[in-house]
N, C-alpha and C. Protein backbone atom coordinates (compact mmCIF):
# COMPACT_ATOMS: atom_id res chain seq x y z
N UNK A 1 -6.78 -33.21 -8.25
CA UNK A 1 -6.15 -32.02 -8.47
C UNK A 1 -6.68 -31.00 -9.55
N UNK A 2 -7.00 -29.82 -9.42
CA UNK A 2 -7.45 -28.94 -10.27
C UNK A 2 -6.78 -28.64 -11.46
N UNK A 3 -7.22 -28.83 -12.86
CA UNK A 3 -6.56 -28.60 -14.09
C UNK A 3 -6.07 -27.27 -14.06
N UNK A 4 -4.78 -26.83 -14.64
CA UNK A 4 -4.37 -25.55 -14.83
C UNK A 4 -5.13 -24.80 -15.68
N UNK A 5 -5.79 -25.34 -16.80
CA UNK A 5 -6.64 -24.52 -17.67
C UNK A 5 -7.94 -24.15 -16.92
N UNK A 6 -8.37 -25.13 -16.13
CA UNK A 6 -9.64 -24.61 -15.17
C UNK A 6 -9.36 -23.55 -14.47
N UNK A 7 -8.20 -23.48 -13.86
CA UNK A 7 -7.75 -22.60 -12.89
C UNK A 7 -7.80 -21.26 -13.65
N UNK A 8 -7.25 -21.34 -14.59
CA UNK A 8 -6.96 -20.20 -15.46
C UNK A 8 -8.23 -19.36 -16.01
N UNK A 9 -9.04 -20.43 -16.38
CA UNK A 9 -10.50 -19.95 -16.89
C UNK A 9 -11.24 -19.15 -15.74
N UNK A 10 -11.15 -19.85 -14.54
CA UNK A 10 -11.94 -19.04 -13.33
C UNK A 10 -11.06 -17.85 -12.82
N UNK A 11 -9.62 -17.87 -13.05
CA UNK A 11 -9.08 -16.55 -12.81
C UNK A 11 -9.50 -15.56 -13.49
N UNK A 12 -9.79 -15.74 -14.76
CA UNK A 12 -10.26 -14.62 -15.68
C UNK A 12 -11.66 -14.24 -15.43
N UNK A 13 -12.55 -15.20 -15.00
CA UNK A 13 -13.97 -15.15 -14.62
C UNK A 13 -14.01 -14.18 -13.22
N UNK A 14 -13.23 -14.33 -12.52
CA UNK A 14 -13.15 -13.87 -11.03
C UNK A 14 -12.33 -12.52 -10.98
N UNK A 15 -11.68 -12.20 -12.03
CA UNK A 15 -10.61 -10.92 -11.92
C UNK A 15 -11.60 -9.81 -11.80
N UNK A 16 -12.74 -9.80 -12.25
CA UNK A 16 -13.54 -8.40 -12.30
C UNK A 16 -14.15 -8.25 -11.08
N UNK A 17 -14.06 -9.01 -10.08
CA UNK A 17 -14.77 -8.71 -8.82
C UNK A 17 -15.93 -9.78 -8.52
N UNK A 18 -16.09 -10.57 -7.49
CA UNK A 18 -17.40 -11.48 -7.43
C UNK A 18 -18.43 -11.00 -6.49
N UNK A 19 -18.48 -9.86 -6.24
CA UNK A 19 -19.63 -9.45 -5.70
C UNK A 19 -20.99 -9.92 -6.28
N UNK A 20 -20.77 -10.07 -7.44
CA UNK A 20 -21.98 -10.47 -8.38
C UNK A 20 -21.21 -11.23 -9.58
N UNK A 21 -21.91 -12.52 -9.78
CA UNK A 21 -21.39 -13.25 -10.85
C UNK A 21 -22.78 -13.40 -11.89
N UNK A 22 -22.13 -13.38 -12.93
CA UNK A 22 -23.23 -13.65 -14.27
C UNK A 22 -23.87 -14.84 -14.25
N UNK A 23 -25.06 -15.13 -14.82
CA UNK A 23 -25.71 -16.22 -14.99
C UNK A 23 -24.92 -17.33 -15.68
N UNK A 24 -24.00 -16.99 -16.63
CA UNK A 24 -22.96 -17.91 -17.15
C UNK A 24 -22.13 -18.33 -16.33
N UNK A 25 -21.65 -17.48 -15.52
CA UNK A 25 -20.70 -17.93 -14.54
C UNK A 25 -21.21 -18.88 -13.53
N UNK A 26 -22.41 -18.55 -13.25
CA UNK A 26 -23.08 -19.39 -12.24
C UNK A 26 -23.37 -20.87 -12.69
N UNK A 27 -23.73 -20.96 -14.06
CA UNK A 27 -23.97 -22.25 -14.74
C UNK A 27 -22.84 -23.08 -14.78
N UNK A 28 -21.59 -22.53 -14.68
CA UNK A 28 -20.51 -23.46 -14.78
C UNK A 28 -20.13 -24.34 -13.69
N UNK A 29 -20.19 -25.53 -13.56
CA UNK A 29 -20.43 -26.34 -12.55
C UNK A 29 -19.26 -26.56 -11.72
N UNK A 30 -18.04 -26.27 -12.25
CA UNK A 30 -16.60 -26.40 -11.39
C UNK A 30 -16.70 -25.55 -10.18
N UNK A 31 -17.41 -25.64 -9.09
CA UNK A 31 -17.23 -24.93 -8.05
C UNK A 31 -16.08 -25.21 -7.17
N UNK A 32 -15.47 -26.31 -7.57
CA UNK A 32 -14.12 -26.44 -6.79
C UNK A 32 -13.11 -25.60 -7.31
N UNK A 33 -13.17 -25.20 -8.52
CA UNK A 33 -12.26 -24.50 -9.09
C UNK A 33 -12.37 -22.96 -8.73
N UNK A 34 -13.69 -22.67 -8.52
CA UNK A 34 -13.99 -21.34 -7.74
C UNK A 34 -13.44 -21.26 -6.43
N UNK A 35 -13.62 -22.35 -5.69
CA UNK A 35 -13.13 -22.24 -4.41
C UNK A 35 -11.81 -22.15 -4.16
N UNK A 36 -10.94 -22.97 -5.19
CA UNK A 36 -9.42 -22.84 -5.32
C UNK A 36 -9.07 -21.44 -5.44
N UNK A 37 -9.79 -20.68 -6.35
CA UNK A 37 -9.19 -19.36 -6.59
C UNK A 37 -9.45 -18.46 -5.41
N UNK A 38 -10.62 -18.70 -4.74
CA UNK A 38 -10.79 -17.81 -3.57
C UNK A 38 -9.78 -18.12 -2.58
N UNK A 39 -9.63 -19.46 -2.28
CA UNK A 39 -8.52 -19.68 -1.20
C UNK A 39 -7.07 -19.25 -1.54
N UNK A 40 -6.89 -19.45 -2.88
CA UNK A 40 -5.47 -19.08 -3.30
C UNK A 40 -5.14 -17.49 -3.32
N UNK A 41 -6.29 -16.71 -3.22
CA UNK A 41 -6.21 -15.14 -3.07
C UNK A 41 -6.47 -14.70 -1.71
N UNK A 42 -6.66 -15.69 -0.71
CA UNK A 42 -6.81 -15.30 0.58
C UNK A 42 -8.06 -14.74 1.08
N UNK A 43 -9.18 -15.01 0.35
CA UNK A 43 -10.37 -14.57 0.81
C UNK A 43 -10.96 -15.28 2.12
N UNK A 44 -11.79 -14.68 2.74
CA UNK A 44 -12.46 -15.46 3.97
C UNK A 44 -13.36 -16.23 3.43
N UNK A 45 -13.93 -16.97 4.46
CA UNK A 45 -14.97 -18.12 4.23
C UNK A 45 -16.22 -17.68 3.76
N UNK A 46 -16.66 -16.33 3.97
CA UNK A 46 -17.98 -15.71 3.80
C UNK A 46 -17.95 -15.27 2.30
N UNK A 47 -16.90 -15.51 1.62
CA UNK A 47 -16.95 -15.11 0.14
C UNK A 47 -17.85 -15.91 -0.46
N UNK A 48 -18.03 -17.19 -0.02
CA UNK A 48 -19.13 -18.08 -0.58
C UNK A 48 -20.50 -17.64 -0.52
N UNK A 49 -20.79 -16.73 0.39
CA UNK A 49 -21.97 -16.03 0.67
C UNK A 49 -22.17 -15.00 -0.61
N UNK A 50 -21.32 -14.48 -1.05
CA UNK A 50 -21.40 -13.68 -2.11
C UNK A 50 -21.74 -14.34 -3.52
N UNK A 51 -21.18 -15.37 -3.66
CA UNK A 51 -21.53 -16.29 -4.72
C UNK A 51 -22.93 -16.80 -4.61
N UNK A 52 -23.15 -17.21 -3.46
CA UNK A 52 -24.44 -17.98 -3.16
C UNK A 52 -25.82 -16.93 -3.65
N UNK A 53 -25.42 -15.80 -3.12
CA UNK A 53 -26.48 -14.69 -3.28
C UNK A 53 -26.51 -14.20 -4.87
N UNK A 54 -25.47 -14.18 -5.50
CA UNK A 54 -25.40 -13.95 -6.86
C UNK A 54 -26.09 -14.94 -7.75
N UNK A 55 -25.89 -16.11 -7.54
CA UNK A 55 -26.42 -17.25 -8.22
C UNK A 55 -27.85 -17.43 -7.82
N UNK A 56 -28.29 -17.19 -6.73
CA UNK A 56 -29.59 -17.38 -6.30
C UNK A 56 -30.66 -16.39 -7.15
N UNK A 57 -29.89 -15.18 -7.39
CA UNK A 57 -30.66 -14.16 -8.18
C UNK A 57 -31.25 -14.76 -9.42
N UNK A 58 -30.26 -15.78 -9.86
CA UNK A 58 -30.58 -16.38 -11.18
C UNK A 58 -31.13 -17.96 -11.21
N UNK A 59 -31.39 -18.06 -9.87
CA UNK A 59 -32.19 -19.47 -9.67
C UNK A 59 -31.24 -20.67 -9.67
N UNK A 60 -30.01 -20.43 -9.51
CA UNK A 60 -28.87 -21.39 -9.64
C UNK A 60 -28.35 -21.63 -8.17
N UNK A 61 -28.19 -22.83 -7.89
CA UNK A 61 -27.68 -23.25 -6.57
C UNK A 61 -26.12 -23.79 -6.76
N UNK A 62 -25.37 -23.41 -5.85
CA UNK A 62 -23.92 -23.83 -6.00
C UNK A 62 -23.55 -24.92 -5.26
N UNK A 63 -22.47 -25.57 -5.50
CA UNK A 63 -22.03 -26.81 -4.73
C UNK A 63 -21.17 -26.79 -3.78
N UNK A 64 -21.72 -26.49 -2.46
CA UNK A 64 -20.92 -25.95 -1.42
C UNK A 64 -19.77 -26.92 -0.93
N UNK A 65 -20.04 -28.15 -0.96
CA UNK A 65 -19.02 -29.06 -0.76
C UNK A 65 -17.95 -29.08 -1.65
N UNK A 66 -18.04 -28.98 -2.95
CA UNK A 66 -16.91 -28.79 -3.99
C UNK A 66 -16.12 -27.58 -3.82
N UNK A 67 -17.01 -26.48 -3.51
CA UNK A 67 -16.37 -25.16 -3.21
C UNK A 67 -15.41 -25.26 -2.10
N UNK A 68 -15.71 -25.88 -0.91
CA UNK A 68 -14.88 -26.01 0.35
C UNK A 68 -13.69 -26.80 -0.06
N UNK A 69 -13.98 -28.08 -0.71
CA UNK A 69 -12.62 -28.74 -1.11
C UNK A 69 -11.75 -27.79 -1.93
N UNK A 70 -12.26 -26.91 -2.94
CA UNK A 70 -11.30 -26.17 -3.65
C UNK A 70 -10.55 -25.15 -2.76
N UNK A 71 -11.37 -24.50 -1.97
CA UNK A 71 -10.90 -23.60 -1.15
C UNK A 71 -9.75 -24.04 -0.22
N UNK A 72 -10.06 -25.33 0.45
CA UNK A 72 -8.88 -25.92 1.18
C UNK A 72 -7.75 -26.06 0.39
N UNK A 73 -7.74 -26.42 -0.74
CA UNK A 73 -6.73 -26.62 -1.50
C UNK A 73 -5.83 -25.28 -1.85
N UNK A 74 -6.75 -24.23 -2.24
CA UNK A 74 -6.38 -23.09 -2.65
C UNK A 74 -5.57 -22.38 -1.51
N UNK A 75 -6.03 -22.50 -0.32
CA UNK A 75 -5.29 -22.05 0.95
C UNK A 75 -4.00 -22.64 0.93
N UNK A 76 -3.83 -23.88 0.69
CA UNK A 76 -2.51 -24.43 0.74
C UNK A 76 -1.45 -23.65 -0.09
N UNK A 77 -1.82 -23.09 -1.17
CA UNK A 77 -1.00 -22.27 -2.02
C UNK A 77 -0.93 -20.73 -1.42
N UNK A 78 -1.87 -20.25 -0.74
CA UNK A 78 -1.85 -19.12 -0.29
C UNK A 78 -1.04 -18.79 1.07
N UNK A 79 -1.15 -19.79 1.90
CA UNK A 79 -0.38 -19.89 3.29
C UNK A 79 0.84 -20.25 3.33
N UNK A 80 1.70 -19.85 2.48
CA UNK A 80 3.42 -20.13 2.63
C UNK A 80 3.85 -18.99 3.45
N UNK A 81 5.04 -19.24 4.03
CA UNK A 81 5.75 -18.12 4.73
C UNK A 81 6.22 -17.04 3.56
N UNK A 82 6.56 -17.37 2.39
CA UNK A 82 7.07 -16.44 1.48
C UNK A 82 5.83 -15.65 1.01
N UNK A 83 4.75 -16.08 0.80
CA UNK A 83 3.52 -15.36 0.37
C UNK A 83 3.09 -14.53 1.59
N UNK A 84 3.24 -14.96 2.72
CA UNK A 84 2.99 -14.12 3.95
C UNK A 84 3.84 -13.01 4.05
N UNK A 85 5.18 -13.34 3.81
CA UNK A 85 6.09 -12.08 3.83
C UNK A 85 5.83 -11.08 2.70
N UNK A 86 5.58 -11.52 1.57
CA UNK A 86 5.33 -10.84 0.36
C UNK A 86 4.04 -9.91 0.65
N UNK A 87 2.90 -10.48 1.27
CA UNK A 87 1.86 -9.80 1.63
C UNK A 87 1.97 -8.76 2.48
N UNK A 88 2.56 -8.99 3.54
CA UNK A 88 2.93 -8.00 4.59
C UNK A 88 4.00 -6.94 3.85
N UNK A 89 4.95 -7.20 3.11
CA UNK A 89 5.74 -6.01 2.70
C UNK A 89 5.12 -5.18 1.80
N UNK A 90 4.01 -5.65 1.08
CA UNK A 90 3.17 -4.96 0.25
C UNK A 90 2.14 -4.11 0.63
N UNK A 91 2.03 -4.21 2.16
CA UNK A 91 0.97 -3.40 2.94
C UNK A 91 -0.39 -4.13 2.80
N UNK A 92 -0.45 -5.27 2.36
CA UNK A 92 -1.79 -6.19 2.26
C UNK A 92 -2.28 -6.52 3.78
N UNK A 93 -3.42 -6.72 3.61
CA UNK A 93 -4.19 -7.17 4.98
C UNK A 93 -4.26 -8.69 4.95
N UNK A 94 -4.24 -9.24 6.09
CA UNK A 94 -4.30 -10.77 6.45
C UNK A 94 -5.61 -10.84 7.20
N UNK A 95 -6.66 -11.85 6.85
CA UNK A 95 -7.70 -11.93 7.52
C UNK A 95 -7.79 -13.16 8.45
N UNK A 96 -6.72 -13.92 8.66
CA UNK A 96 -6.63 -14.97 9.43
C UNK A 96 -7.29 -16.29 8.84
N UNK A 97 -7.04 -16.28 7.63
CA UNK A 97 -7.63 -17.57 6.83
C UNK A 97 -7.00 -18.64 6.93
N UNK A 98 -5.71 -18.72 7.25
CA UNK A 98 -4.89 -19.81 7.19
C UNK A 98 -5.26 -20.88 8.23
N UNK A 99 -5.19 -22.41 7.84
CA UNK A 99 -5.47 -23.37 8.75
C UNK A 99 -4.40 -23.36 9.79
N UNK A 100 -4.98 -23.99 10.92
CA UNK A 100 -3.93 -23.99 12.13
C UNK A 100 -2.52 -24.45 11.66
N UNK A 101 -2.36 -25.65 11.11
CA UNK A 101 -1.21 -26.10 10.60
C UNK A 101 -0.38 -25.22 9.81
N UNK A 102 -0.75 -24.21 9.29
CA UNK A 102 0.05 -23.36 8.56
C UNK A 102 -0.02 -21.89 8.91
N UNK A 103 -0.97 -21.43 9.97
CA UNK A 103 -1.12 -20.37 10.46
C UNK A 103 0.13 -19.56 11.23
N UNK A 104 0.76 -20.20 12.02
CA UNK A 104 1.97 -19.71 12.60
C UNK A 104 2.91 -19.32 12.03
N UNK A 105 3.52 -20.12 10.82
CA UNK A 105 4.66 -19.69 9.95
C UNK A 105 4.21 -18.56 9.13
N UNK A 106 3.00 -18.66 8.84
CA UNK A 106 2.46 -17.74 7.64
C UNK A 106 2.44 -16.24 8.61
N UNK A 107 1.78 -16.32 9.57
CA UNK A 107 1.72 -14.96 10.40
C UNK A 107 2.91 -14.34 10.93
N UNK A 108 4.00 -15.27 11.11
CA UNK A 108 5.39 -14.81 11.50
C UNK A 108 5.96 -14.05 10.23
N UNK A 109 5.91 -14.74 9.21
CA UNK A 109 6.47 -14.16 7.86
C UNK A 109 5.72 -12.92 7.64
N UNK A 110 4.30 -12.86 7.81
CA UNK A 110 3.68 -11.81 7.53
C UNK A 110 4.12 -10.38 8.16
N UNK A 111 4.28 -10.80 9.54
CA UNK A 111 4.81 -9.80 10.42
C UNK A 111 6.14 -9.19 10.07
N UNK A 112 6.84 -9.94 9.63
CA UNK A 112 8.29 -9.65 9.20
C UNK A 112 8.09 -8.89 7.91
N UNK A 113 7.14 -9.20 7.07
CA UNK A 113 6.85 -8.25 5.88
C UNK A 113 6.44 -7.05 6.17
N UNK A 114 5.44 -6.90 7.14
CA UNK A 114 4.76 -5.83 7.40
C UNK A 114 5.84 -4.89 7.89
N UNK A 115 6.78 -5.37 8.90
CA UNK A 115 7.67 -4.72 9.42
C UNK A 115 8.49 -3.79 8.55
N UNK A 116 8.98 -4.60 7.28
CA UNK A 116 9.62 -4.17 6.07
C UNK A 116 8.89 -2.78 5.64
N UNK A 117 7.53 -3.26 5.21
CA UNK A 117 6.71 -2.16 4.66
C UNK A 117 6.44 -0.89 5.61
N UNK A 118 6.40 -1.07 6.86
CA UNK A 118 6.50 0.02 7.72
C UNK A 118 7.76 0.97 7.74
N UNK A 119 8.89 0.25 7.65
CA UNK A 119 10.17 0.98 7.62
C UNK A 119 10.35 1.66 6.26
N UNK A 120 10.05 0.94 5.29
CA UNK A 120 9.97 1.61 3.82
C UNK A 120 9.16 2.70 4.07
N UNK A 121 7.95 2.71 4.60
CA UNK A 121 6.99 4.03 4.70
C UNK A 121 7.50 4.95 5.44
N UNK A 122 8.23 4.67 6.48
CA UNK A 122 8.80 5.83 7.23
C UNK A 122 9.88 6.66 6.36
N UNK A 123 10.65 5.82 5.51
CA UNK A 123 11.63 6.60 4.62
C UNK A 123 10.91 7.44 3.56
N UNK A 124 10.11 6.83 2.93
CA UNK A 124 9.25 7.47 1.92
C UNK A 124 8.43 8.64 2.50
N UNK A 125 8.02 8.45 3.69
CA UNK A 125 7.13 9.68 4.42
C UNK A 125 8.03 10.84 4.64
N UNK A 126 9.28 10.54 5.16
CA UNK A 126 10.28 11.51 5.38
C UNK A 126 10.69 12.14 4.05
N UNK A 127 10.86 11.43 3.04
CA UNK A 127 11.03 11.85 1.58
C UNK A 127 10.05 13.10 1.16
N UNK A 128 8.74 12.67 1.39
CA UNK A 128 7.67 13.44 1.00
C UNK A 128 7.70 14.58 1.86
N UNK A 129 7.90 14.63 3.07
CA UNK A 129 7.82 15.84 3.90
C UNK A 129 8.97 16.82 3.49
N UNK A 130 10.20 16.29 3.48
CA UNK A 130 11.38 17.02 2.85
C UNK A 130 11.04 17.80 1.64
N UNK A 131 10.52 16.94 0.53
CA UNK A 131 10.37 17.62 -0.87
C UNK A 131 9.06 18.69 -0.53
N UNK A 132 8.12 18.51 0.21
CA UNK A 132 7.10 19.47 0.29
C UNK A 132 7.74 20.82 0.85
N UNK A 133 8.56 20.64 1.99
CA UNK A 133 9.18 21.72 2.55
C UNK A 133 10.28 22.43 1.67
N UNK A 134 10.78 21.77 0.92
CA UNK A 134 11.88 22.30 -0.09
C UNK A 134 11.13 23.12 -1.14
N UNK A 135 9.76 22.57 -1.49
CA UNK A 135 9.11 23.48 -2.53
C UNK A 135 8.51 24.79 -1.71
N UNK A 136 8.41 24.72 -0.44
CA UNK A 136 7.91 26.06 0.39
C UNK A 136 9.03 27.01 0.26
N UNK A 137 10.36 26.44 0.62
CA UNK A 137 11.41 27.19 0.54
C UNK A 137 11.72 27.90 -0.82
N UNK A 138 11.70 27.11 -1.91
CA UNK A 138 11.82 27.83 -3.28
C UNK A 138 10.85 28.82 -3.34
N UNK A 139 9.58 28.70 -2.92
CA UNK A 139 8.52 29.76 -3.25
C UNK A 139 8.92 31.03 -2.30
N UNK A 140 9.47 30.72 -1.16
CA UNK A 140 9.89 31.84 -0.44
C UNK A 140 11.07 32.49 -0.99
N UNK A 141 11.83 32.00 -1.61
CA UNK A 141 13.19 32.39 -2.22
C UNK A 141 12.72 33.33 -3.21
N UNK A 142 11.69 32.86 -3.96
CA UNK A 142 11.20 33.76 -4.88
C UNK A 142 10.42 34.91 -4.68
N UNK A 143 9.83 34.95 -3.72
CA UNK A 143 9.19 36.12 -2.91
C UNK A 143 10.18 37.09 -2.50
N UNK A 144 11.20 36.53 -1.95
CA UNK A 144 12.17 37.29 -1.22
C UNK A 144 13.07 38.09 -2.23
N UNK A 145 13.37 37.31 -3.41
CA UNK A 145 14.19 37.97 -4.67
C UNK A 145 13.20 39.03 -5.27
N UNK A 146 11.92 38.69 -5.48
CA UNK A 146 11.07 39.78 -5.86
C UNK A 146 10.87 41.08 -5.19
N UNK A 147 10.89 40.89 -3.60
CA UNK A 147 10.89 42.16 -2.83
C UNK A 147 12.31 42.75 -2.92
N UNK A 148 13.17 42.12 -3.08
CA UNK A 148 14.54 42.74 -3.14
C UNK A 148 14.72 43.60 -4.40
N UNK A 149 14.31 42.99 -5.50
CA UNK A 149 14.36 43.86 -6.64
C UNK A 149 13.51 45.10 -6.56
N UNK A 150 12.28 44.98 -6.07
CA UNK A 150 11.52 46.09 -5.97
C UNK A 150 12.19 47.19 -5.11
N UNK A 151 12.73 46.69 -3.76
CA UNK A 151 13.20 47.40 -2.93
C UNK A 151 14.36 48.40 -3.47
N UNK A 152 15.23 47.80 -4.34
CA UNK A 152 16.45 48.62 -5.00
C UNK A 152 15.78 49.30 -6.19
N UNK A 153 14.68 49.11 -6.64
CA UNK A 153 14.28 49.83 -7.86
C UNK A 153 14.24 51.16 -7.61
N UNK A 154 14.63 52.02 -8.57
CA UNK A 154 14.76 53.56 -8.21
C UNK A 154 13.16 54.34 -8.14
N UNK A 155 12.19 53.71 -8.60
CA UNK A 155 10.83 54.12 -8.64
C UNK A 155 10.24 53.67 -7.39
N UNK A 156 10.67 52.89 -6.47
CA UNK A 156 9.96 52.54 -5.35
C UNK A 156 9.99 53.65 -4.19
N UNK A 157 8.72 53.98 -3.92
CA UNK A 157 8.34 54.84 -2.68
C UNK A 157 9.19 54.38 -1.46
N UNK A 158 9.57 55.37 -0.52
CA UNK A 158 10.21 54.84 0.83
C UNK A 158 9.52 54.13 1.67
N UNK A 159 8.00 54.57 1.74
CA UNK A 159 7.17 53.93 2.40
C UNK A 159 7.01 52.35 2.06
N UNK A 160 6.94 52.25 0.82
CA UNK A 160 6.87 50.92 0.24
C UNK A 160 7.95 50.08 0.45
N UNK A 161 9.34 50.64 0.42
CA UNK A 161 10.58 50.07 0.73
C UNK A 161 10.65 49.59 2.22
N UNK A 162 9.97 50.42 2.91
CA UNK A 162 10.10 49.90 4.63
C UNK A 162 9.09 48.80 4.79
N UNK A 163 8.06 48.87 4.01
CA UNK A 163 7.20 47.69 4.26
C UNK A 163 7.64 46.28 3.67
N UNK A 164 8.38 46.47 2.39
CA UNK A 164 8.79 45.31 1.89
C UNK A 164 10.15 44.94 2.75
N UNK A 165 10.83 45.69 3.31
CA UNK A 165 12.08 45.38 4.24
C UNK A 165 11.54 44.42 5.20
N UNK A 166 10.36 44.96 5.82
CA UNK A 166 9.69 44.20 7.07
C UNK A 166 8.97 42.87 6.54
N UNK A 167 8.44 43.07 5.53
CA UNK A 167 8.00 41.67 4.82
C UNK A 167 8.92 40.76 4.55
N UNK A 168 10.13 41.22 3.99
CA UNK A 168 11.24 40.37 3.55
C UNK A 168 12.02 39.65 4.88
N UNK A 169 12.18 40.39 5.88
CA UNK A 169 12.61 39.99 7.10
C UNK A 169 11.79 38.78 7.57
N UNK A 170 10.45 38.95 7.58
CA UNK A 170 9.63 37.95 7.90
C UNK A 170 9.63 36.59 7.12
N UNK A 171 9.84 36.87 5.78
CA UNK A 171 9.91 35.72 4.62
C UNK A 171 11.39 35.11 4.93
N UNK A 172 12.34 35.86 5.37
CA UNK A 172 13.71 35.09 5.58
C UNK A 172 13.59 34.38 6.86
N UNK A 173 12.98 35.06 7.90
CA UNK A 173 12.67 33.95 9.19
C UNK A 173 11.94 32.90 8.91
N UNK A 174 10.81 32.88 8.04
CA UNK A 174 10.07 31.48 7.59
C UNK A 174 11.20 30.62 6.98
N UNK A 175 11.95 31.11 6.12
CA UNK A 175 12.85 30.27 5.32
C UNK A 175 13.68 29.56 6.27
N UNK A 176 14.17 30.29 7.10
CA UNK A 176 15.16 29.58 7.88
C UNK A 176 14.39 28.64 8.94
N UNK A 177 13.30 28.90 9.39
CA UNK A 177 12.58 27.95 9.97
C UNK A 177 12.37 26.64 9.21
N UNK A 178 12.01 26.86 8.10
CA UNK A 178 11.74 25.64 7.20
C UNK A 178 13.14 24.86 6.92
N UNK A 179 14.01 25.67 6.73
CA UNK A 179 15.37 24.86 6.53
C UNK A 179 15.81 24.16 7.84
N UNK A 180 15.46 24.67 9.09
CA UNK A 180 15.86 24.03 10.03
C UNK A 180 15.07 22.68 10.43
N UNK A 181 13.75 22.78 9.86
CA UNK A 181 12.72 21.57 9.81
C UNK A 181 13.31 20.43 8.86
N UNK A 182 13.88 21.16 7.80
CA UNK A 182 14.38 20.18 6.64
C UNK A 182 15.49 19.39 7.32
N UNK A 183 16.58 20.24 7.91
CA UNK A 183 17.59 19.57 8.45
C UNK A 183 17.43 18.43 9.47
N UNK A 184 16.40 18.73 10.35
CA UNK A 184 15.82 17.72 11.25
C UNK A 184 15.37 16.47 10.57
N UNK A 185 14.42 16.77 9.56
CA UNK A 185 14.03 15.61 8.72
C UNK A 185 14.99 14.82 8.11
N UNK A 186 16.02 15.47 7.62
CA UNK A 186 17.04 14.69 6.99
C UNK A 186 17.76 13.90 7.95
N UNK A 187 17.90 14.26 9.05
CA UNK A 187 18.52 13.61 10.25
C UNK A 187 17.74 12.30 10.71
N UNK A 188 16.51 12.56 10.66
CA UNK A 188 15.67 11.35 10.94
C UNK A 188 15.51 10.36 9.78
N UNK A 189 15.62 11.03 8.55
CA UNK A 189 15.43 10.05 7.33
C UNK A 189 16.77 9.15 7.33
N UNK A 190 17.87 9.68 7.79
CA UNK A 190 19.05 8.97 7.63
C UNK A 190 19.03 7.79 8.62
N UNK A 191 18.45 8.10 9.81
CA UNK A 191 18.17 7.16 10.79
C UNK A 191 17.16 5.94 10.35
N UNK A 192 16.06 6.42 9.77
CA UNK A 192 14.99 5.49 9.24
C UNK A 192 15.64 4.61 7.97
N UNK A 193 16.79 5.30 7.24
CA UNK A 193 17.14 4.50 6.30
C UNK A 193 18.24 3.57 6.67
N UNK A 194 18.90 3.70 7.86
CA UNK A 194 19.79 2.82 8.56
C UNK A 194 19.04 1.56 9.28
N UNK A 195 17.71 2.00 9.77
CA UNK A 195 16.86 0.77 10.40
C UNK A 195 16.52 -0.03 9.22
N UNK A 196 16.17 0.51 8.04
CA UNK A 196 15.62 -0.29 6.93
C UNK A 196 16.79 -1.20 6.39
N UNK A 197 17.88 -0.57 6.13
CA UNK A 197 18.95 -1.46 5.56
C UNK A 197 19.45 -2.35 6.47
N UNK A 198 19.42 -2.17 7.81
CA UNK A 198 19.76 -3.15 8.82
C UNK A 198 18.80 -4.39 8.89
N UNK A 199 17.46 -4.06 8.74
CA UNK A 199 16.42 -4.89 8.56
C UNK A 199 16.52 -5.92 7.44
N UNK A 200 16.75 -5.28 6.33
CA UNK A 200 16.94 -6.04 5.16
C UNK A 200 17.90 -7.01 5.30
N UNK A 201 19.12 -6.79 5.99
CA UNK A 201 20.12 -7.62 6.14
C UNK A 201 19.70 -8.93 7.02
N UNK A 202 18.98 -8.49 7.97
CA UNK A 202 18.62 -9.51 9.04
C UNK A 202 17.39 -10.19 8.69
N UNK A 203 16.56 -9.68 7.90
CA UNK A 203 15.15 -10.47 7.52
C UNK A 203 15.46 -11.92 7.06
N UNK A 204 14.63 -12.86 7.35
CA UNK A 204 14.87 -14.18 7.07
C UNK A 204 14.17 -14.52 5.54
N UNK A 205 13.34 -13.72 4.84
CA UNK A 205 12.77 -13.85 3.63
C UNK A 205 13.44 -12.73 2.49
N UNK A 206 13.20 -13.05 1.38
CA UNK A 206 13.86 -12.26 0.36
C UNK A 206 12.87 -11.04 0.39
N UNK A 207 13.66 -9.69 0.06
CA UNK A 207 12.87 -8.50 0.02
C UNK A 207 12.40 -8.25 -1.33
N UNK A 208 11.26 -8.67 -1.86
CA UNK A 208 10.76 -8.94 -3.21
C UNK A 208 10.01 -7.65 -3.53
């Protein structure tokens, strides 16, 4: 079993990204700890190739057998149903790294989490669209108000009033069209929210 302190040390070393490892990192002989961290993070098996190349640049060879032992242990920590659900619900990607004995449960939980993520995204997407359209409505209303003030102003020429009346009518039509679209989106959002609420009640894992 890898010590907690060794794991913490390598977590710090690897946090900055391992496309390249420094010479000092490569000199650390506990490749089992490196493998454990990579497995616990769900990295694919070709991750070792990045370490091998980085360390080869410093003339240092790695212990492949120790790395694989550590990665296998790390995958036991990564490939749990709860972690699969959490990964899916956060929108993370799964590269199929789990061993056969754990893959089915992990994949099922991941799919359930991904469904939750997608349902949340539909709600937030509708919110974003509604907010964007409401900003457009506000801008149109400012333009309409400005036009109306100019139309009733005593110094405005008749030809300008006529032009502004036509322009204002067009702006009002645009506003009504946007308001209709907002109504439709609000109807859709309510349906999306219901789907999300129903799914949260039915899902087998905690919504974290």
